[in-house]
Each structure stands twice: as C-alpha cells, then as structure tokens.
Amino acid sequence: MIRLVVYLLVLALVAFGIAWLADRPGAVVIDWQGWQVETSILVAASALLALLAAAILLWTLLRLIVRSPDTIAHSWRNRRRNRGWAAVTRGLVAVGSGDAVGARRAANDAQRLLGEEPLSKLLAAQAAQLSGDAAGAEAVFRSMTETAGTRLLGLRGLHVEARRRGDQGAALQAAEEAARHEPGLAWAADAVIEARCLNGDFAGALAMLEREAAHGALDRATHRRRRAVLLAAQAQALELSDPATARDKAQEAARLAPTLVPAADIAGRLLGAAGDVRKAAKIIEAAYAATPHPDLADAYLHLRPGDASRERLKRVRTLTAHQPAHPESAMALARAALDAQDFDVARTALAPLLVAPTQRACLLMAELEAGEHGDVGKAREWTARAVRAQRDPAWVADGVVAEAWGPISPVSGRLDAYEWKLPPGLATTPMLENEAERVKLAIAAAIESRPPAAEGPVVDLSPAGASPSLAPAVPETEGKAEPEKASTKVSPQPAALATPVVAMPHLPDDPGPGAPFADEPGAAPRGPYM
C-alpha cells in the first residue's frame, strides 16, 4: 500500500513538472560552428533524455560483449555444481535405502562434478562402507584428515573403521588425535575414557573427563555422575593395595553421586574399617534409601567387625527402616536374624516373600528350616525350588549379567552401563555362592545332629571332582529321573575389568555331572528327598 502511494506521488510530480514546462515553453538556442539550433525547453529536455538512454544502452552492450566469456564460464560452473549437488542428494538417498550400486555411481558423479567438496568425500566413504570396501573407505577418510575443515570428520571415520576391524590401538589413536584438536568432541572424549578404563588407567580417564567438561561438552549433572563412576572404579582398584587412597576416592564418589551403590559400598566398608562408623553408616543409609542392595546391607551389618550377631540384627533394623516394604530389606533382616539364631524374626521377615519367592528367598528359607528345626526334607525342598524360582536382580550391562559392578560395559565399552535390575530374556542369573554354601552347611549340620537310628543314606554334599555349577535337585519319580540342567549364560568380560559370575554350588541331593543315577548298578544310594 505504501509503495502504491509513493508511486502515485512520484507520477503526479512528473506530470506536474511536464505541465509546468509546457505552460512556459521558453526557447533554447544553440549556435556552434555555423550551426544554429533553436527549440523549446521541453523538446531540448526530451532530446537530452533520449541521448542519455542511448548512451546507457551502448555501454551495456559493450559491457556484455566484454564480460560474456566470464558469464558463460560462470553459468557452466553453476550448472556443473547443481548437477554435483543433485548427485550428492541421490547418493545420500541411495545410502539410506541400502542401494550400494546407486550410492557408488552417485559418489563417482559427485566427485567428478564437485571435486574436493567435503560432502562428496563423505558420500564416497559411505558408499565404500556400504559396498564392504573397508580399504577404500579408510583411504577416503585418511585424505580428509589432510584438510583442516574435514580433519575431525576423517578422524571419526578412521576411528569407526578401526573399531570395526578390531584394531583398538588405531581406534584409540584416532580418538586421541581428535580429542587433541577438539577436547569438547563427545565421541572422541568418550572413546579415550573408555579405552583408558579398559586398561585400568582411571587417573587418565579422569583427566580426559575434566578436559571434556572444561570445554563445555558436559552438563553439570552428567559430569558429576561420570566423575563419581570413575572415582568408584579407581577406589575399587586400589582397595587392597592402598586402602587410604581408595577410601578418599570412594568418599568423593559418594558425595558426587550418593545413590551410586559401588561408591557407597566401598566407602562404607573402608570407613568402618578405619573406625569412622558414623560417617560410614550415613553414606550407606543414603544409598540404600535410593537403591536397596545386598552389598549395602552386608557392608552395614559388618561396620564393626567385632560386633555380636545380636548387635548386627539391631543395626540392620535401622537400615531397613529406610525401605521397610522392599524385598531386599526383608532378606537383609532375615539374614541378620539367622546369624543371631532368632528364627522367629527371620520367618516373619520372609513370610511376605513366600507368595512368589526368588532364588535368594528360597535359599534363606532352606537355611531357616535346617537351622531352626533340623528339617532336612523341607530344606532340600526349598533348595530344589530355588533352582526354578524367580531370579533376583543382578548387575546387567548391554545384556551381560555379572556378579560385580564395573565402570564400563564389557560389550560396548560404554561408561556407567551397569544397572541393578532383573535381566530380561535370560533364563538364569548369578546366584550368591555364599548363600548356597550356607545352606549346604546348615543341612550338613542338621544331618550330623540326628540320632543314629534316624539317619538314612546320606549323599555327599561335595562330590569328588565336581566343579561348581548350577544344577537342580530333582525328586525321584518312576523309572529313571533325568536331572534337569540349567546353565548360566554369561558373556566374557575384558581381562582388566573381569567380573566373573559365580554359579551356585551343587545343592543337596544333586549328584553332580557324570554321577550315576540312583537305580543304576554301582550307584551310591540317594538320601530321601523329603
């Protein structure tokens, strides 16, 4: 609207000027070299404008003729460039759809039309990766590292290719070079931290973490959590060789992440051993309130190693008060009560868990039956139920179940990957060897305490040559009873961070691998199932 008003105003002014000149015609006389021209002012002005227009047109034509080679060349370059970008688009679509042939063809066109453009090189590398040409992809990525603008992209590609072929040294070298050029680069810093953790260099991993945080690559919460994990791992590694340093590291980790179970566990145990029971109890209670865990309960029970079992039972009530309805609290209370020979408290604590008991709950009930009444039959029944019972939570990282926590995943190398949870999709989880051993000892003590007349055939609880494994006790049926076998499938972990899974030892009435059946010739008589 404003433009229209301005246009009308200008048009009105021009019309007014022409009318004003027409009303005042005047005269213009030019006398030059014998030539005399006389005309009106309006005609003279019109002739001057026409002369200026002709001059402008002539200059434009001359300029077009002079600049036509450059214009034509620029037009060809633009056309070539547009075709190159179109090839890049086709190539990226082909890579995304898995068309290796189309991606390779588009990459060749892009490199021919665009030359050293970063996207054309990236497309060539991705096309080579899609085609399975690892050497070609690595060559393209290596050429990218020679240019400042594409150096980080090339190092990233070299890192990925090195990990694919299992060359951890080359992968670490590429990540360290990228982190040296750009310390805030997340993938490079994470790769360096994971590699140093794998080698046990937790101090170096902490230094890399601080460099990453100093360049603003981590928010405050993430930085505190990762630092706590690395400090806990460092304390875990130094616990036996340098308890004082390990205690300081674990305390700092617990302060940064109060809910980190390994940090609270190590800090509590080492502070208790140093005599600072109050601080140890405070750290463990804070972690237990967020994540009830058997390691925390065990550390809390033994804060003062010289305490009597009654004192430990009294102390565990304080801990379980933070999570009174949690199953872990019931099992911790039952364990302390069994140690104190307070069987009524143990039975009351375990009663809510018996609707759907877990493996540990079954083993605690087996120990309770053998310890309180010497009922070997019921104890054996509970041990048989333990093999088939619901699994207990365990440390899980990327599908791998481990007995002990670790700072990085044994599969992907990801930092802080372990979670305390029920592993999905696995038939078995690690069973506490200590619990199974206590059941065996309780049953053995109950059998030894029987009067001689009441004793029947007894099975050796530790068969010769039998190695610990997860094997159930199965009652005899008609004919031969094949023992059911359940295996614990656990992926191996790196040697530097190995956390082997402890399988449950042979349960009572378990003949062990390779033992003859009860009804076969030469077989030792089996004890009664119930």
Protein backbone atom coordinates (compact mmCIF):
# COMPACT_ATOMS: atom_id res chain seq x y z
CA MET A 1 0.00 0.00 0.00
CA ILE A 2 2.79 2.41 0.91
CA ARG A 3 4.63 1.64 -2.32
CA LEU A 4 1.49 2.39 -4.34
CA VAL A 5 1.08 5.75 -2.62
CA VAL A 6 4.73 6.66 -3.25
CA TYR A 7 4.43 5.63 -6.90
CA LEU A 8 1.34 7.80 -7.39
CA LEU A 9 3.05 10.75 -5.72
CA VAL A 10 6.11 10.47 -8.00
CA LEU A 11 3.87 10.14 -11.07
CA ALA A 12 1.93 13.21 -10.02
CA LEU A 13 5.13 15.21 -9.56
CA VAL A 14 6.40 14.19 -13.00
CA ALA A 15 3.08 15.15 -14.63
CA PHE A 16 3.08 18.44 -12.77
CA GLY A 17 6.64 19.18 -13.97
CA ILE A 18 5.81 18.41 -17.60
CA ALA A 19 2.69 20.56 -17.44
CA TRP A 20 4.62 23.37 -15.83
CA LEU A 21 7.22 23.27 -18.64
CA ALA A 22 4.51 23.12 -21.30
CA ASP A 23 2.89 26.25 -19.88
CA ARG A 24 6.25 28.02 -20.01
CA PRO A 25 7.75 26.93 -23.33
CA GLY A 26 10.71 29.32 -23.48
CA ALA A 27 13.45 28.82 -26.05
CA VAL A 28 16.82 27.11 -26.27
CA VAL A 29 19.28 28.34 -28.92
CA ILE A 30 22.50 26.50 -29.80
CA ASP A 31 24.93 28.32 -32.07
CA TRP A 32 28.08 26.28 -32.78
CA GLN A 33 30.44 26.25 -35.80
CA GLY A 34 27.91 27.91 -38.04
CA TRP A 35 25.14 25.61 -36.87
CA GLN A 36 22.21 27.20 -35.14
CA VAL A 37 19.54 25.15 -33.42
CA GLU A 38 16.55 26.75 -31.76
CA THR A 39 13.93 24.78 -29.92
CA SER A 40 11.76 24.84 -26.83
CA ILE A 41 12.93 23.79 -23.41
CA LEU A 42 10.62 20.76 -23.35
CA VAL A 43 11.96 19.45 -26.65
CA ALA A 44 15.54 20.04 -25.52
CA ALA A 45 14.97 18.14 -22.28
CA SER A 46 13.39 15.27 -24.19
CA ALA A 47 16.34 15.12 -26.57
CA LEU A 48 18.77 15.09 -23.65
CA LEU A 49 16.96 12.17 -22.03
CA ALA A 50 16.97 10.23 -25.28
CA LEU A 51 20.68 10.85 -25.67
CA LEU A 52 21.36 9.56 -22.13
CA ALA A 53 19.26 6.44 -22.75
CA ALA A 54 21.16 5.70 -25.94
CA ALA A 55 24.48 6.10 -24.12
CA ILE A 56 23.41 3.73 -21.36
CA LEU A 57 22.25 1.14 -23.87
CA LEU A 58 25.51 1.35 -25.80
CA TRP A 59 27.55 0.94 -22.60
CA THR A 60 25.50 -2.09 -21.56
CA LEU A 61 26.07 -3.78 -24.92
CA LEU A 62 29.80 -3.15 -24.77
CA ARG A 63 29.97 -4.46 -21.21
CA LEU A 64 28.03 -7.61 -22.12
CA ILE A 65 30.37 -8.32 -25.00
CA VAL A 66 33.47 -7.85 -22.87
CA ARG A 67 32.20 -9.96 -19.96
CA SER A 68 30.49 -12.69 -21.97
CA PRO A 69 33.35 -15.28 -21.58
CA ASP A 70 33.27 -14.99 -17.80
CA THR A 71 29.48 -15.07 -17.77
CA ILE A 72 29.38 -18.19 -19.89
CA ALA A 73 32.03 -19.89 -17.71
CA HIS A 74 30.16 -18.96 -14.54
CA SER A 75 26.96 -20.35 -15.99
CA TRP A 76 28.68 -23.66 -16.79
CA ARG A 77 30.18 -23.82 -13.31
CA ASN A 78 26.81 -23.26 -11.71
CA ARG A 79 25.24 -25.90 -13.89
CA ARG A 80 28.02 -28.34 -13.05
CA ARG A 81 27.74 -27.56 -9.36
CA ASN A 82 23.98 -28.05 -9.38
CA ARG A 83 24.44 -31.41 -11.06
CA GLY A 84 27.02 -32.32 -8.41
CA TRP A 85 24.70 -31.43 -5.53
CA ALA A 86 21.95 -33.40 -7.20
CA ALA A 87 24.34 -36.38 -7.32
CA VAL A 88 25.09 -35.93 -3.60
CA THR A 89 21.36 -35.96 -2.86
CA ARG A 90 20.86 -39.12 -4.92
CA GLY A 91 23.82 -40.75 -3.23
CA LEU A 92 22.62 -39.99 0.30
CA VAL A 93 19.20 -41.38 -0.56
CA ALA A 94 20.86 -44.50 -2.01
CA VAL A 95 22.98 -44.95 1.12
CA GLY A 96 19.92 -44.59 3.33
CA SER A 97 17.99 -47.13 1.26
CA GLY A 98 20.89 -49.60 1.06
CA ASP A 99 21.45 -49.26 -2.70
CA ALA A 100 25.21 -49.88 -2.88
CA VAL A 101 25.42 -49.66 -6.69
CA GLY A 102 23.44 -46.43 -6.83
CA ALA A 103 25.47 -44.93 -4.00
CA ARG A 104 28.75 -45.79 -5.72
CA ARG A 105 27.58 -44.31 -9.04
CA ALA A 106 26.34 -41.14 -7.37
CA ALA A 107 29.58 -40.83 -5.40
CA ASN A 108 31.63 -41.03 -8.60
CA ASP A 109 29.45 -38.37 -10.23
CA ALA A 110 29.70 -36.12 -7.16
CA GLN A 111 33.49 -36.38 -7.01
CA ARG A 112 33.77 -35.69 -10.74
CA LEU A 113 31.46 -32.69 -10.62
CA LEU A 114 32.29 -31.22 -7.18
CA GLY A 115 35.92 -32.23 -6.74
CA GLU A 116 37.19 -31.79 -3.16
CA GLU A 117 33.89 -30.87 -1.53
CA PRO A 118 33.60 -32.44 1.96
CA LEU A 119 30.16 -33.88 1.23
CA SER A 120 31.37 -35.59 -1.93
CA LYS A 121 34.18 -37.23 0.04
CA LEU A 122 31.79 -38.27 2.78
CA LEU A 123 29.45 -39.78 0.21
CA ALA A 124 32.36 -41.67 -1.36
CA ALA A 125 33.35 -43.06 2.05
CA GLN A 126 29.79 -44.09 2.91
CA ALA A 127 29.35 -45.73 -0.49
CA ALA A 128 32.55 -47.70 0.08
CA GLN A 129 31.36 -48.76 3.54
CA LEU A 130 28.01 -49.85 2.11
CA SER A 131 29.81 -51.89 -0.54
CA GLY A 132 32.06 -53.54 2.04
CA ASP A 133 35.17 -51.80 0.72
CA ALA A 134 36.81 -51.02 4.09
CA ALA A 135 40.15 -50.14 2.49
CA GLY A 136 38.51 -47.65 0.14
CA ALA A 137 36.55 -46.03 2.94
CA GLU A 138 39.68 -45.75 5.08
CA ALA A 139 41.59 -44.17 2.19
CA VAL A 140 38.90 -41.51 1.76
CA PHE A 141 38.80 -40.79 5.49
CA ARG A 142 42.58 -40.54 5.59
CA SER A 143 42.53 -38.00 2.78
CA MET A 144 40.02 -35.96 4.80
CA THR A 145 42.48 -35.67 7.69
CA GLU A 146 44.86 -33.73 5.44
CA THR A 147 42.44 -30.78 5.24
CA ALA A 148 41.68 -28.65 8.30
CA GLY A 149 37.99 -28.36 7.51
CA THR A 150 37.45 -32.12 7.26
CA ARG A 151 40.09 -33.38 9.70
CA LEU A 152 37.67 -34.24 12.51
CA LEU A 153 35.30 -35.96 10.10
CA GLY A 154 38.16 -38.05 8.73
CA LEU A 155 39.36 -38.99 12.22
CA ARG A 156 35.85 -40.04 13.16
CA GLY A 157 35.68 -42.28 10.11
CA LEU A 158 39.10 -43.81 10.83
CA HIS A 159 38.01 -44.47 14.42
CA VAL A 160 34.86 -46.27 13.29
CA GLU A 161 36.72 -48.34 10.69
CA ALA A 162 39.39 -49.33 13.21
CA ARG A 163 36.77 -50.49 15.71
CA ARG A 164 35.01 -52.49 13.02
CA ARG A 165 38.13 -54.44 12.19
CA GLY A 166 39.01 -54.84 15.90
CA ASP A 167 42.12 -52.64 15.86
CA GLN A 168 41.72 -50.98 19.27
CA GLY A 169 45.12 -49.29 19.04
CA ALA A 170 44.30 -47.49 15.80
CA ALA A 171 40.85 -46.57 17.11
CA LEU A 172 42.35 -45.07 20.26
CA GLN A 173 44.99 -43.20 18.24
CA ALA A 174 42.30 -41.59 16.03
CA ALA A 175 40.18 -40.69 19.06
CA GLU A 176 43.13 -39.17 20.93
CA GLU A 177 44.13 -37.08 17.92
CA ALA A 178 40.55 -35.83 17.55
CA ALA A 179 40.38 -35.03 21.26
CA ARG A 180 43.68 -33.17 20.98
CA HIS A 181 42.28 -30.94 18.22
CA GLU A 182 38.84 -30.57 19.84
CA PRO A 183 38.70 -31.65 23.52
CA GLY A 184 34.97 -30.96 23.68
CA LEU A 185 34.18 -33.53 20.99
CA ALA A 186 31.94 -36.02 22.79
CA TRP A 187 32.67 -39.18 20.77
CA ALA A 188 36.44 -38.67 20.95
CA ALA A 189 36.47 -37.94 24.69
CA ASP A 190 34.20 -40.91 25.43
CA ALA A 191 36.34 -43.24 23.33
CA VAL A 192 39.52 -42.14 25.12
CA ILE A 193 37.88 -42.50 28.55
CA GLU A 194 36.57 -45.98 27.73
CA ALA A 195 39.95 -47.13 26.38
CA ARG A 196 41.78 -45.87 29.46
CA CYS A 197 39.25 -47.54 31.74
CA LEU A 198 39.75 -50.79 29.86
CA ASN A 199 43.49 -50.51 30.52
CA GLY A 200 42.94 -49.66 34.18
CA ASP A 201 44.17 -46.07 33.74
CA PHE A 202 41.40 -44.41 35.73
CA ALA A 203 43.54 -41.35 36.52
CA GLY A 204 43.99 -40.74 32.78
CA ALA A 205 40.26 -41.25 32.23
CA LEU A 206 39.51 -38.66 34.92
CA ALA A 207 41.92 -36.19 33.31
CA MET A 208 40.18 -36.64 29.95
CA LEU A 209 36.78 -36.18 31.60
CA GLU A 210 37.89 -32.89 33.17
CA ARG A 211 39.19 -31.63 29.79
CA GLU A 212 35.85 -32.51 28.20
CA ALA A 213 33.92 -30.72 30.95
CA ALA A 214 36.20 -27.65 30.78
CA HIS A 215 35.24 -27.15 27.12
CA GLY A 216 31.53 -27.16 27.94
CA ALA A 217 30.74 -30.55 26.40
CA LEU A 218 29.04 -31.90 29.57
CA ASP A 219 26.30 -30.52 31.74
CA ARG A 220 26.88 -30.37 35.47
CA ALA A 221 24.81 -33.43 36.39
CA THR A 222 26.43 -35.66 33.75
CA HIS A 223 29.90 -34.52 34.75
CA ARG A 224 29.28 -35.28 38.44
CA ARG A 225 27.87 -38.72 37.68
CA ARG A 226 30.69 -39.74 35.34
CA ARG A 227 33.33 -38.45 37.72
CA ALA A 228 31.73 -40.43 40.54
CA VAL A 229 31.76 -43.61 38.43
CA LEU A 230 35.45 -43.19 37.58
CA LEU A 231 36.34 -42.44 41.20
CA ALA A 232 34.43 -45.51 42.36
CA ALA A 233 36.29 -47.64 39.80
CA GLN A 234 39.60 -46.18 40.98
CA ALA A 235 38.68 -46.91 44.61
CA GLN A 236 37.72 -50.46 43.65
CA ALA A 237 41.10 -51.00 42.01
CA LEU A 238 43.04 -49.53 44.99
CA GLU A 239 41.01 -51.08 47.80
CA LEU A 240 43.52 -53.81 48.62
CA SER A 241 46.78 -52.09 47.66
CA ASP A 242 46.11 -48.59 49.02
CA PRO A 243 43.06 -48.53 51.34
CA ALA A 244 43.59 -44.92 52.46
CA THR A 245 43.56 -43.54 48.92
CA ALA A 246 40.69 -45.83 47.98
CA ARG A 247 38.71 -44.54 50.96
CA ASP A 248 39.19 -40.91 49.89
CA LYS A 249 38.24 -41.68 46.30
CA ALA A 250 35.14 -43.60 47.37
CA GLN A 251 34.05 -40.81 49.72
CA GLU A 252 34.32 -38.24 46.95
CA ALA A 253 32.38 -40.53 44.61
CA ALA A 254 29.65 -40.99 47.22
CA ARG A 255 29.48 -37.22 47.71
CA LEU A 256 29.12 -36.60 43.96
CA ALA A 257 26.58 -39.41 43.46
CA PRO A 258 25.01 -40.51 46.78
CA THR A 259 22.92 -43.17 45.02
CA LEU A 260 25.88 -44.91 43.34
CA VAL A 261 25.88 -48.28 45.10
CA PRO A 262 29.54 -49.32 44.50
CA ALA A 263 30.83 -45.99 45.79
CA ALA A 264 28.71 -46.17 48.95
CA ASP A 265 29.64 -49.82 49.48
CA ILE A 266 33.39 -49.24 49.24
CA ALA A 267 33.28 -46.00 51.23
CA GLY A 268 31.21 -47.63 53.97
CA ARG A 269 33.43 -50.67 54.31
CA LEU A 270 36.69 -48.70 54.33
CA LEU A 271 35.38 -46.04 56.71
CA GLY A 272 34.11 -48.75 59.02
CA ALA A 273 37.49 -50.47 58.96
CA ALA A 274 39.10 -47.10 59.80
CA GLY A 275 36.78 -46.66 62.80
CA ASP A 276 34.58 -43.88 61.41
CA VAL A 277 31.34 -45.83 61.82
CA ARG A 278 29.05 -42.80 61.97
CA LYS A 279 30.11 -41.43 58.58
CA ALA A 280 30.09 -44.90 57.05
CA ALA A 281 26.54 -45.52 58.26
CA LYS A 282 25.36 -42.18 56.91
CA ILE A 283 26.75 -42.88 53.43
CA ILE A 284 25.29 -46.40 53.26
CA GLU A 285 21.89 -45.31 54.54
CA ALA A 286 21.64 -42.59 51.88
CA ALA A 287 22.46 -45.04 49.09
CA TYR A 288 20.18 -47.78 50.50
CA ALA A 289 17.23 -45.40 50.72
CA ALA A 290 17.51 -44.85 46.95
CA THR A 291 18.61 -48.35 45.85
CA PRO A 292 18.25 -51.24 48.34
CA HIS A 293 21.12 -53.56 47.54
CA PRO A 294 22.52 -56.68 49.27
CA ASP A 295 26.08 -55.32 49.16
CA LEU A 296 24.98 -52.23 51.06
CA ALA A 297 23.15 -54.34 53.62
CA ASP A 298 26.18 -56.59 54.10
CA ALA A 299 28.52 -53.60 54.48
CA TYR A 300 26.15 -52.04 57.03
CA LEU A 301 25.97 -55.28 59.03
CA HIS A 302 29.73 -55.50 59.33
CA LEU A 303 30.62 -51.86 60.00
CA ARG A 304 32.14 -53.03 63.27
CA PRO A 305 33.65 -56.48 62.67
CA GLY A 306 33.75 -57.34 66.36
CA ASP A 307 30.02 -56.83 66.99
CA ALA A 308 27.92 -59.75 68.18
CA SER A 309 25.20 -61.10 65.92
CA ARG A 310 22.53 -59.55 68.17
CA GLU A 311 24.09 -56.13 67.71
CA ARG A 312 24.13 -56.61 63.93
CA LEU A 313 20.47 -57.61 63.99
CA LYS A 314 19.67 -54.44 65.91
CA ARG A 315 21.69 -52.35 63.44
CA VAL A 316 20.04 -53.81 60.35
CA ARG A 317 16.64 -52.71 61.63
CA THR A 318 17.89 -49.13 61.38
CA LEU A 319 18.94 -49.67 57.78
CA THR A 320 15.77 -51.43 56.64
CA ALA A 321 13.63 -48.68 58.18
CA HIS A 322 14.59 -46.54 55.16
CA GLN A 323 12.88 -49.06 52.83
CA PRO A 324 10.68 -51.22 55.07
CA ALA A 325 8.49 -52.66 52.30
CA HIS A 326 11.29 -53.58 49.90
CA PRO A 327 12.07 -57.32 49.44
CA GLU A 328 15.78 -56.62 49.91
CA SER A 329 15.05 -55.23 53.38
CA ALA A 330 13.18 -58.42 54.30
CA MET A 331 16.07 -60.61 53.13
CA ALA A 332 18.66 -58.46 54.90
CA LEU A 333 16.68 -58.68 58.12
CA ALA A 334 16.25 -62.44 57.69
CA ARG A 335 19.98 -62.92 57.10
CA ALA A 336 20.87 -61.00 60.26
CA ALA A 337 18.23 -62.90 62.25
CA LEU A 338 19.57 -66.26 61.04
CA ASP A 339 23.06 -65.24 62.12
CA ALA A 340 21.63 -64.32 65.53
CA GLN A 341 19.64 -67.59 65.74
CA ASP A 342 16.44 -65.54 66.05
CA PHE A 343 14.38 -67.81 63.83
CA ASP A 344 11.01 -66.23 64.60
CA VAL A 345 12.21 -62.85 63.31
CA ALA A 346 13.67 -64.49 60.20
CA ARG A 347 10.44 -66.37 59.44
CA THR A 348 8.33 -63.25 60.00
CA ALA A 349 10.58 -61.21 57.70
CA LEU A 350 10.47 -63.81 54.91
CA ALA A 351 6.73 -64.50 55.14
CA PRO A 352 5.65 -61.72 52.70
CA LEU A 353 8.12 -63.02 50.10
CA LEU A 354 6.84 -66.60 50.03
CA VAL A 355 3.94 -65.84 47.69
CA ALA A 356 6.42 -65.62 44.82
CA PRO A 357 9.85 -66.32 46.32
CA THR A 358 13.07 -65.52 44.49
CA GLN A 359 16.16 -67.71 44.48
CA ARG A 360 17.71 -65.97 47.48
CA ALA A 361 14.46 -66.12 49.42
CA CYS A 362 14.25 -69.88 48.79
CA LEU A 363 17.83 -70.40 49.97
CA LEU A 364 17.17 -68.36 53.11
CA MET A 365 14.08 -70.49 53.82
CA ALA A 366 16.13 -73.64 53.29
CA GLU A 367 18.70 -72.45 55.82
CA LEU A 368 15.90 -71.47 58.21
CA GLU A 369 14.27 -74.91 58.04
CA ALA A 370 17.56 -76.69 58.57
CA GLY A 371 18.72 -74.38 61.35
CA GLU A 372 15.52 -73.99 63.34
CA HIS A 373 14.01 -77.49 63.26
CA GLY A 374 16.71 -79.59 61.60
CA ASP A 375 14.13 -80.44 58.94
CA VAL A 376 16.38 -81.71 56.15
CA GLY A 377 13.44 -82.64 53.94
CA LYS A 378 11.99 -79.16 53.89
CA ALA A 379 15.43 -77.64 53.47
CA ARG A 380 16.02 -79.83 50.42
CA GLU A 381 12.61 -78.95 49.07
CA TRP A 382 13.43 -75.22 49.30
CA THR A 383 16.79 -75.76 47.60
CA ALA A 384 15.02 -77.52 44.74
CA ARG A 385 12.57 -74.65 44.47
CA ALA A 386 15.47 -72.18 44.38
CA VAL A 387 16.67 -73.57 41.05
CA ARG A 388 13.30 -72.89 39.43
CA ALA A 389 12.38 -69.77 41.37
CA GLN A 390 12.18 -66.23 40.08
CA ARG A 391 15.59 -64.72 39.51
CA ASP A 392 16.99 -62.00 41.71
CA PRO A 393 18.26 -58.65 40.39
CA ALA A 394 21.83 -58.59 39.16
CA TRP A 395 24.34 -56.21 37.60
CA VAL A 396 23.41 -56.04 33.90
CA ALA A 397 25.16 -54.13 31.11
CA ASP A 398 24.13 -54.49 27.46
CA GLY A 399 22.58 -57.89 28.15
CA VAL A 400 25.59 -59.25 30.06
CA VAL A 401 24.95 -60.42 33.62
CA ALA A 402 27.82 -60.07 36.07
CA GLU A 403 28.31 -60.73 39.76
CA ALA A 404 30.21 -57.48 40.40
CA TRP A 405 29.80 -53.92 39.15
CA GLY A 406 32.24 -52.42 36.65
CA PRO A 407 32.73 -48.90 35.30
CA ILE A 408 32.23 -49.77 31.61
CA SER A 409 30.22 -52.27 29.62
CA PRO A 410 32.14 -55.41 28.59
CA VAL A 411 30.27 -55.36 25.26
CA SER A 412 30.15 -51.76 24.04
CA GLY A 413 32.70 -50.13 26.37
CA ARG A 414 30.07 -47.56 27.41
CA LEU A 415 30.79 -45.77 30.68
CA ASP A 416 28.33 -46.27 33.55
CA ALA A 417 26.46 -49.02 31.71
CA TYR A 418 25.78 -51.39 34.62
CA GLU A 419 22.31 -51.37 36.14
CA TRP A 420 20.93 -53.30 39.12
CA LYS A 421 17.83 -54.94 37.67
CA LEU A 422 16.20 -58.16 36.61
CA PRO A 423 17.88 -59.17 33.34
CA PRO A 424 15.20 -59.51 30.65
CA GLY A 425 15.15 -62.55 28.42
CA LEU A 426 17.66 -64.61 30.43
CA ALA A 427 16.82 -67.94 31.98
CA THR A 428 19.27 -67.67 34.86
CA THR A 429 21.22 -65.05 36.76
CA PRO A 430 24.17 -65.28 39.15
CA MET A 431 23.27 -66.93 42.44
CA LEU A 432 25.13 -66.00 45.55
CA GLU A 433 27.68 -68.68 46.27
CA ASN A 434 27.75 -67.71 49.92
CA GLU A 435 24.01 -68.33 50.32
CA ALA A 436 24.22 -71.77 48.70
CA GLU A 437 27.25 -72.68 50.80
CA ARG A 438 25.45 -71.69 53.99
CA VAL A 439 22.51 -73.92 53.03
CA LYS A 440 24.85 -76.86 52.49
CA LEU A 441 26.49 -76.31 55.84
CA ALA A 442 23.13 -75.96 57.60
CA ILE A 443 21.83 -79.19 56.08
CA ALA A 444 25.07 -80.99 56.88
CA ALA A 445 24.84 -79.79 60.49
CA ALA A 446 21.22 -80.93 60.71
CA ILE A 447 22.13 -84.39 59.39
CA GLU A 448 25.03 -84.72 61.83
CA SER A 449 22.79 -83.77 64.74
CA ARG A 450 20.32 -86.58 64.02
CA PRO A 451 20.26 -89.63 66.28
CA PRO A 452 21.99 -92.59 64.63
CA ALA A 453 18.74 -94.56 64.34
CA ALA A 454 17.05 -91.76 62.46
CA GLU A 455 19.77 -91.40 59.91
CA GLY A 456 19.25 -92.73 56.45
CA PRO A 457 21.50 -92.87 53.46
CA VAL A 458 23.29 -89.57 53.10
CA VAL A 459 24.57 -88.09 49.88
CA ASP A 460 27.98 -86.46 49.86
CA LEU A 461 27.33 -82.71 49.56
CA SER A 462 30.60 -82.14 47.72
CA PRO A 463 31.05 -84.90 45.11
CA ALA A 464 34.63 -85.66 44.22
CA GLY A 465 35.74 -84.00 41.04
CA ALA A 466 32.57 -81.96 40.68
CA SER A 467 33.08 -78.32 39.79
CA PRO A 468 30.62 -75.65 40.89
CA SER A 469 27.70 -75.35 38.51
CA LEU A 470 24.03 -74.51 38.56
CA ALA A 471 22.29 -77.89 38.79
CA PRO A 472 18.90 -78.50 40.45
CA ALA A 473 17.89 -81.16 42.90
CA VAL A 474 15.06 -83.20 41.39
CA PRO A 475 12.84 -85.66 43.30
CA GLU A 476 12.83 -89.25 42.14
CA THR A 477 9.90 -90.44 40.03
CA GLU A 478 9.02 -93.71 38.48
CA GLY A 479 11.85 -95.11 36.47
CA LYS A 480 14.96 -93.03 35.92
CA ALA A 481 14.85 -89.39 36.85
CA GLU A 482 16.96 -87.33 34.50
CA PRO A 483 18.48 -84.39 36.40
CA GLU A 484 17.37 -81.09 34.91
CA LYS A 485 20.25 -78.85 33.88
CA ALA A 486 20.15 -75.08 33.84
CA SER A 487 23.10 -73.14 32.59
CA THR A 488 24.08 -69.60 33.34
CA LYS A 489 24.97 -67.88 30.08
CA VAL A 490 27.36 -65.00 30.68
CA SER A 491 29.45 -63.26 28.07
CA PRO A 492 33.15 -62.89 28.83
CA GLN A 493 34.43 -59.51 30.00
CA PRO A 494 37.75 -57.77 29.33
CA ALA A 495 40.60 -59.10 31.42
CA ALA A 496 41.27 -55.75 33.08
CA LEU A 497 37.67 -55.47 34.27
CA ALA A 498 36.70 -59.11 34.60
CA THR A 499 33.73 -59.69 36.88
CA PRO A 500 33.19 -63.45 36.72
CA VAL A 501 29.76 -64.75 37.52
CA VAL A 502 29.75 -67.15 40.47
CA ALA A 503 27.46 -70.07 39.83
CA MET A 504 25.63 -71.84 42.57
CA PRO A 505 27.45 -74.89 44.00
CA HIS A 506 25.84 -78.32 43.96
CA LEU A 507 22.73 -78.37 46.08
CA PRO A 508 21.90 -81.25 48.40
CA ASP A 509 20.78 -84.39 46.52
CA ASP A 510 22.49 -83.08 43.37
CA PRO A 511 24.72 -85.99 42.18
CA GLY A 512 26.88 -83.67 40.09
CA PRO A 513 27.89 -84.05 36.44
CA GLY A 514 28.71 -87.55 35.35
CA ALA A 515 27.44 -89.23 38.54
CA PRO A 516 25.43 -92.49 38.07
CA PHE A 517 21.70 -92.48 38.69
CA ALA A 518 20.34 -93.95 41.89
CA ASP A 519 18.91 -97.02 40.19
CA GLU A 520 21.97 -97.81 38.07
CA PRO A 521 24.46 -100.54 39.05
CA GLY A 522 27.19 -99.25 41.30
CA ALA A 523 25.36 -96.06 42.13
CA ALA A 524 25.50 -94.80 45.69
CA PRO A 525 22.13 -94.78 47.43
CA ARG A 526 20.46 -91.36 47.43
CA GLY A 527 19.12 -89.76 50.54
CA PRO A 528 15.41 -89.16 50.98
CA TYR A 529 14.06 -86.18 49.08
CA MET A 530 11.68 -85.08 51.79
